[in-house]
Amino acid sequence: MGKFPVISLTLKGATGTNFAKARTMLRRAIGNEAMRFQFLPESDRLTKTEQSLYESMVNIDQTGACTMSDELLKDSLQVLSRLLEKHYGKKVIMLIDEYDVPLDKAYQSGYYDDMVELVRILFGNALKTNESLDFAGRCWRLMALPGNMMR
């Protein structure tokens, strides 16, 4: 415990009655997780550009809505992983809970194809092509392992 930086994301609330609302809630979930690392803009291991990129991930407007662009949203978990690896000098563990909730809600509400495309890109970037990732898993599965085999 405490040896690796951990991104712990729940997607339970990343739903909406239409794709735009669901995307906003997904942006909020990722932005809120990124806010746990508010020390990153002050990290002497990150460049000014990287610090600015982090700020773009957590920026909110006057209404409290996350202003992260759609392009950054798609790369957000990979970017956050890279920044954390650079700051800590260790690869990242990513835990994702309730990953199926946005897709189920999208299916029920008629915007499944749009949500599948977004989630495919987001998770593809975060899990398949992410060189900053040491380990990823679903939270409920990890908690059920004998001896809780998380590092």
Protein backbone atom coordinates (compact mmCIF):
# COMPACT_ATOMS: atom_id res chain seq x y z
CA MET A 1 0.00 0.00 0.00
CA GLY A 2 1.21 3.47 -0.82
CA LYS A 3 4.00 2.27 -3.12
CA PHE A 4 2.29 3.21 -6.38
CA PRO A 5 0.16 6.16 -7.49
CA VAL A 6 -3.45 4.99 -7.84
CA ILE A 7 -6.23 6.32 -10.03
CA SER A 8 -9.53 5.11 -8.59
CA LEU A 9 -12.52 5.93 -10.74
CA THR A 10 -16.17 5.04 -10.32
CA LEU A 11 -18.48 5.52 -13.28
CA LYS A 12 -21.71 4.92 -11.37
CA GLY A 13 -22.83 8.53 -11.88
CA ALA A 14 -21.62 8.88 -15.49
CA THR A 15 -25.13 8.63 -16.91
CA GLY A 16 -27.74 10.91 -18.41
CA THR A 17 -30.96 10.94 -20.38
CA ASN A 18 -28.97 11.80 -23.51
CA PHE A 19 -25.38 11.53 -24.73
CA ALA A 20 -24.46 15.15 -23.99
CA LYS A 21 -25.54 14.83 -20.34
CA ALA A 22 -23.79 11.49 -19.92
CA ARG A 23 -20.59 12.89 -21.44
CA THR A 24 -20.78 15.81 -19.01
CA MET A 25 -21.11 13.41 -16.08
CA LEU A 26 -18.18 11.32 -17.35
CA ARG A 27 -16.13 14.50 -17.62
CA ARG A 28 -17.10 15.34 -14.02
CA ALA A 29 -16.16 11.87 -12.71
CA ILE A 30 -12.72 11.99 -14.31
CA GLY A 31 -12.19 15.64 -13.35
CA ASN A 32 -13.06 14.90 -9.73
CA GLU A 33 -10.58 12.03 -9.61
CA ALA A 34 -7.91 14.24 -11.17
CA MET A 35 -8.56 16.86 -8.47
CA ARG A 36 -7.19 14.46 -5.87
CA PHE A 37 -3.76 15.26 -7.31
CA GLN A 38 -3.86 19.04 -6.88
CA PHE A 39 -0.12 19.09 -6.17
CA LEU A 40 0.68 18.35 -9.83
CA PRO A 41 0.71 22.01 -10.99
CA GLU A 42 3.46 22.63 -8.42
CA SER A 43 5.50 19.52 -9.28
CA ASP A 44 9.05 20.35 -10.26
CA ARG A 45 9.13 17.11 -12.27
CA LEU A 46 6.48 18.34 -14.73
CA THR A 47 7.02 20.87 -17.48
CA LYS A 48 4.89 24.02 -17.62
CA THR A 49 3.01 22.47 -20.55
CA GLU A 50 2.23 19.35 -18.51
CA GLN A 51 1.13 21.46 -15.55
CA SER A 52 -1.16 23.43 -17.87
CA LEU A 53 -2.56 20.20 -19.30
CA TYR A 54 -3.43 19.05 -15.79
CA GLU A 55 -5.13 22.39 -15.10
CA SER A 56 -7.25 21.86 -18.23
CA MET A 57 -8.41 18.52 -16.83
CA VAL A 58 -9.66 20.00 -13.55
CA ASN A 59 -10.87 23.43 -14.63
CA ILE A 60 -14.50 24.18 -13.81
CA ASP A 61 -16.73 27.06 -14.84
CA GLN A 62 -18.97 29.28 -12.68
CA THR A 63 -21.72 26.65 -12.67
CA GLY A 64 -19.37 23.94 -11.39
CA ALA A 65 -19.21 22.10 -14.71
CA CYS A 66 -15.91 20.63 -15.82
CA THR A 67 -14.65 22.45 -18.92
CA MET A 68 -12.38 19.66 -20.20
CA SER A 69 -12.57 19.45 -24.01
CA ASP A 70 -13.89 16.33 -25.72
CA GLU A 71 -10.41 15.64 -27.10
CA LEU A 72 -8.82 15.82 -23.64
CA LEU A 73 -11.64 13.71 -22.18
CA LYS A 74 -10.72 10.88 -24.56
CA ASP A 75 -7.07 11.05 -23.45
CA SER A 76 -7.68 12.08 -19.84
CA LEU A 77 -6.91 8.83 -18.03
CA GLN A 78 -3.80 8.24 -20.10
CA VAL A 79 -2.64 11.84 -19.55
CA LEU A 80 -3.27 11.65 -15.80
CA SER A 81 -1.35 8.37 -15.67
CA ARG A 82 1.60 9.91 -17.52
CA LEU A 83 1.68 12.95 -15.23
CA LEU A 84 1.52 10.80 -12.10
CA GLU A 85 4.25 8.48 -13.37
CA LYS A 86 6.48 11.44 -14.14
CA HIS A 87 5.85 13.02 -10.72
CA TYR A 88 6.32 9.84 -8.67
CA GLY A 89 8.81 8.03 -10.90
CA LYS A 90 6.59 4.92 -10.72
CA LYS A 91 4.00 3.43 -12.99
CA VAL A 92 0.32 3.85 -12.06
CA ILE A 93 -2.36 1.47 -10.84
CA MET A 94 -5.81 2.20 -12.25
CA LEU A 95 -8.98 0.90 -10.61
CA ILE A 96 -12.29 1.34 -12.42
CA ASP A 97 -15.59 0.62 -10.71
CA GLU A 98 -19.08 0.49 -12.27
CA TYR A 99 -17.59 0.72 -15.78
CA ASP A 100 -20.72 -0.87 -17.25
CA VAL A 101 -23.20 1.68 -15.85
CA PRO A 102 -22.74 4.35 -18.57
CA LEU A 103 -23.19 1.74 -21.29
CA ASP A 104 -26.28 0.24 -19.71
CA LYS A 105 -27.89 3.67 -19.29
CA ALA A 106 -26.93 4.57 -22.87
CA TYR A 107 -28.59 1.41 -24.14
CA GLN A 108 -31.76 2.16 -22.17
CA SER A 109 -31.86 5.78 -23.33
CA GLY A 110 -31.02 5.36 -27.02
CA TYR A 111 -27.49 6.75 -27.32
CA TYR A 112 -25.56 3.48 -27.00
CA ASP A 113 -23.51 3.83 -30.20
CA ASP A 114 -22.18 7.26 -29.21
CA MET A 115 -21.30 6.10 -25.69
CA VAL A 116 -19.62 2.91 -26.92
CA GLU A 117 -17.42 4.97 -29.23
CA LEU A 118 -16.41 7.36 -26.45
CA VAL A 119 -15.77 4.60 -23.89
CA ARG A 120 -13.84 2.53 -26.44
CA ILE A 121 -11.48 5.43 -27.16
CA LEU A 122 -11.18 6.46 -23.49
CA PHE A 123 -10.42 2.94 -22.22
CA GLY A 124 -8.32 2.07 -25.27
CA ASN A 125 -6.05 5.01 -24.54
CA ALA A 126 -6.04 4.36 -20.80
CA LEU A 127 -5.62 0.60 -20.79
CA LYS A 128 -4.19 -0.64 -24.09
CA THR A 129 -1.64 1.94 -25.22
CA ASN A 130 -0.72 3.41 -21.84
CA GLU A 131 2.97 2.93 -21.09
CA SER A 132 2.54 4.61 -17.70
CA LEU A 133 0.24 1.86 -16.47
CA ASP A 134 1.55 -0.87 -14.16
CA PHE A 135 -1.78 -2.55 -13.41
CA ALA A 136 -5.47 -1.99 -14.03
CA GLY A 137 -8.54 -3.75 -12.72
CA ARG A 138 -12.15 -3.60 -11.76
CA CYS A 139 -12.55 -2.58 -8.12
CA TRP A 140 -15.08 -5.21 -7.09
CA ARG A 141 -12.91 -8.01 -8.43
CA LEU A 142 -9.80 -6.73 -6.66
CA MET A 143 -11.53 -6.46 -3.32
CA ALA A 144 -12.67 -10.09 -3.60
CA LEU A 145 -9.19 -11.51 -4.13
CA PRO A 146 -7.72 -13.57 -1.28
CA GLY A 147 -5.48 -11.36 0.81
CA ASN A 148 -6.49 -8.35 -1.29
CA MET A 149 -3.58 -8.79 -3.68
CA MET A 150 -3.27 -5.10 -4.53
CA ARG A 151 0.31 -3.81 -4.19
